[in-house]
Amino acid sequence: MRRAVFLVLLLGTAVGDCWAQDVSGKCDYPNGIPFEVNRSFGAILIRAQVNGHPVTLVVDTGASHTILSAELLQVRSLALEHARTPAKGSGLVGTAGWARATIEIGAITWQDRQVLVMDDFQDLSNNLKQKVDGIIGEDVLREFDFVALDFKRHRLVLLR
């Protein structure tokens, strides 16, 4: 019972603080970032922009790095074969390397962000039965003090 009360107080405090900060643009709550739950796989999907292009990204709290498709960033597979690959990743198997991109999620923008690039998102897209352009991983999510999924309103809440 104590934990439930603490969690409610913590959530209430974070949301209240964010409402106060909303004028400054430091958070997206109460609006949040809309998400959908993929019916085929149960993955949480958000719409974003990468280098000015609209994309669909999976929110993956288990992925250590943000990964974008080579097709999206226009990186040739041959260039990825000779790239230094990370020690750990999201569990996706394929050729990967590092690149930089501008990512916009809701009102938040990361200029020249280092991301992993993979040459094949086709299997993931096929499993989800819709095109997926990448994965938002822990490297982005850990920049926030508070990350929550509001399933009732289908919103991803990111607070700094």
Protein backbone atom coordinates (compact mmCIF):
# COMPACT_ATOMS: atom_id res chain seq x y z
CA MET A 1 0.00 0.00 0.00
CA ARG A 2 2.84 2.41 0.84
CA ARG A 3 4.44 1.85 -2.56
CA ALA A 4 1.18 2.57 -4.38
CA VAL A 5 0.71 5.83 -2.45
CA PHE A 6 4.35 6.81 -3.10
CA LEU A 7 3.99 6.09 -6.82
CA VAL A 8 0.80 8.17 -7.03
CA LEU A 9 2.49 11.04 -5.18
CA LEU A 10 5.59 10.78 -7.37
CA LEU A 11 3.54 10.76 -10.57
CA GLY A 12 1.36 13.62 -9.33
CA THR A 13 4.42 15.69 -8.43
CA ALA A 14 6.12 15.04 -11.78
CA VAL A 15 3.01 15.85 -13.78
CA GLY A 16 2.32 18.96 -11.66
CA ASP A 17 5.88 20.17 -12.15
CA CYS A 18 5.60 19.60 -15.86
CA TRP A 19 2.35 21.56 -16.14
CA ALA A 20 4.13 24.46 -14.47
CA GLN A 21 7.05 24.11 -16.92
CA ASP A 22 4.91 23.58 -20.02
CA VAL A 23 5.08 27.29 -20.90
CA SER A 24 8.87 27.00 -21.13
CA GLY A 25 8.64 24.06 -23.54
CA LYS A 26 10.69 21.66 -21.39
CA CYS A 27 8.08 18.92 -21.47
CA ASP A 28 5.21 17.66 -23.56
CA TYR A 29 2.77 16.69 -20.79
CA PRO A 30 -0.25 16.96 -20.47
CA ASN A 31 -0.30 16.62 -24.26
CA GLY A 32 2.54 14.10 -24.32
CA ILE A 33 3.77 12.42 -27.45
CA PRO A 34 1.04 10.30 -29.07
CA PHE A 35 1.80 6.61 -29.46
CA GLU A 36 0.07 3.56 -30.78
CA VAL A 37 0.40 -0.04 -29.70
CA ASN A 38 1.02 -2.29 -32.68
CA ARG A 39 -1.67 -4.97 -32.78
CA SER A 40 0.52 -7.65 -34.35
CA PHE A 41 3.47 -7.44 -31.97
CA GLY A 42 2.50 -5.16 -29.07
CA ALA A 43 5.30 -2.71 -29.80
CA ILE A 44 4.90 0.97 -28.87
CA LEU A 45 5.22 3.17 -31.95
CA ILE A 46 5.65 6.93 -32.19
CA ARG A 47 5.75 9.33 -35.11
CA ALA A 48 8.82 11.53 -35.33
CA GLN A 49 11.03 13.39 -37.79
CA VAL A 50 14.54 12.38 -38.79
CA ASN A 51 16.49 14.83 -40.92
CA GLY A 52 13.17 16.48 -41.77
CA HIS A 53 11.46 13.26 -42.91
CA PRO A 54 8.44 11.72 -41.14
CA VAL A 55 9.26 8.35 -39.57
CA THR A 56 7.77 5.62 -37.41
CA LEU A 57 9.94 4.55 -34.47
CA VAL A 58 9.62 1.78 -31.91
CA VAL A 59 10.08 2.89 -28.28
CA ASP A 60 12.34 0.14 -26.90
CA THR A 61 13.43 0.53 -23.27
CA GLY A 62 15.54 -2.62 -23.65
CA ALA A 63 17.64 -1.24 -26.51
CA SER A 64 20.82 0.43 -25.31
CA HIS A 65 21.12 2.57 -28.46
CA THR A 66 18.86 4.41 -30.86
CA ILE A 67 18.97 2.67 -34.24
CA LEU A 68 17.85 4.10 -37.58
CA SER A 69 17.56 2.42 -40.96
CA ALA A 70 20.33 2.81 -43.51
CA GLU A 71 17.68 3.51 -46.14
CA LEU A 72 16.37 6.46 -44.12
CA LEU A 73 19.82 7.97 -43.61
CA GLN A 74 20.92 7.03 -47.12
CA VAL A 75 23.92 5.05 -45.91
CA ARG A 76 25.12 2.28 -48.22
CA SER A 77 25.42 -1.25 -46.82
CA LEU A 78 29.04 -1.43 -48.00
CA ALA A 79 29.92 1.53 -45.75
CA LEU A 80 28.37 -0.28 -42.76
CA GLU A 81 30.45 -3.42 -43.31
CA HIS A 82 33.62 -1.53 -42.36
CA ALA A 83 32.16 0.47 -39.48
CA ARG A 84 33.03 -0.07 -35.82
CA THR A 85 30.05 -1.85 -34.26
CA PRO A 86 28.91 -1.41 -30.65
CA ALA A 87 29.55 -3.97 -27.92
CA LYS A 88 25.85 -4.30 -27.14
CA GLY A 89 22.63 -3.33 -28.86
CA SER A 90 18.91 -4.00 -29.13
CA GLY A 91 19.03 -7.67 -30.04
CA LEU A 92 18.52 -6.96 -33.74
CA VAL A 93 20.90 -8.88 -35.95
CA GLY A 94 22.47 -7.19 -38.94
CA THR A 95 25.29 -4.99 -40.11
CA ALA A 96 25.50 -1.75 -38.13
CA GLY A 97 27.64 1.35 -37.88
CA TRP A 98 27.55 4.86 -36.46
CA ALA A 99 26.11 7.98 -38.12
CA ARG A 100 24.64 11.34 -37.13
CA ALA A 101 21.08 12.58 -37.59
CA THR A 102 18.69 15.29 -36.42
CA ILE A 103 15.81 13.69 -34.51
CA GLU A 104 12.59 15.45 -33.55
CA ILE A 105 10.15 13.82 -31.14
CA GLY A 106 7.24 16.04 -30.16
CA ALA A 107 8.69 19.43 -29.18
CA ILE A 108 12.16 17.99 -28.49
CA THR A 109 14.97 18.13 -31.07
CA TRP A 110 18.42 16.53 -31.01
CA GLN A 111 20.76 18.11 -33.57
CA ASP A 112 23.59 15.99 -34.97
CA ARG A 113 22.76 13.04 -32.66
CA GLN A 114 24.99 9.97 -32.86
CA VAL A 115 22.89 6.91 -33.73
CA LEU A 116 23.44 3.38 -34.88
CA VAL A 117 22.51 2.64 -38.47
CA MET A 118 21.38 -0.82 -39.57
CA ASP A 119 21.05 -2.08 -43.07
CA ASP A 120 17.84 -4.08 -42.68
CA PHE A 121 14.63 -3.12 -40.90
CA GLN A 122 12.57 -5.24 -43.29
CA ASP A 123 12.18 -8.17 -40.85
CA LEU A 124 10.98 -5.88 -38.06
CA SER A 125 8.60 -4.10 -40.45
CA ASN A 126 7.27 -7.46 -41.65
CA ASN A 127 6.70 -8.68 -38.06
CA LEU A 128 4.85 -5.48 -37.16
CA LYS A 129 2.99 -5.47 -40.50
CA GLN A 130 3.89 -1.82 -41.03
CA LYS A 131 6.97 0.15 -42.05
CA VAL A 132 9.33 0.93 -39.17
CA ASP A 133 12.26 3.31 -39.66
CA GLY A 134 14.08 2.81 -36.38
CA ILE A 135 14.16 2.32 -32.64
CA ILE A 136 14.38 4.91 -29.87
CA GLY A 137 16.60 3.36 -27.23
CA GLU A 138 17.83 3.94 -23.72
CA ASP A 139 20.49 6.44 -24.85
CA VAL A 140 17.69 8.94 -25.61
CA LEU A 141 15.30 7.92 -22.83
CA ARG A 142 17.89 8.21 -20.06
CA GLU A 143 18.26 11.94 -20.79
CA PHE A 144 14.94 12.47 -19.01
CA ASP A 145 14.21 12.47 -15.28
CA PHE A 146 10.84 10.84 -15.84
CA VAL A 147 9.62 8.59 -18.67
CA ALA A 148 6.09 7.21 -18.57
CA LEU A 149 3.59 5.59 -20.89
CA ASP A 150 0.07 6.85 -20.35
CA PHE A 151 -1.88 3.97 -21.86
CA LYS A 152 -5.26 5.53 -21.13
CA ARG A 153 -4.47 8.59 -23.30
CA HIS A 154 -1.88 6.84 -25.52
CA ARG A 155 0.85 9.34 -24.67
CA LEU A 156 4.58 9.02 -24.03
CA VAL A 157 5.51 11.45 -21.26
CA LEU A 158 9.13 12.73 -21.12
CA LEU A 159 10.06 15.10 -18.30
CA ARG A 160 13.36 16.83 -17.63
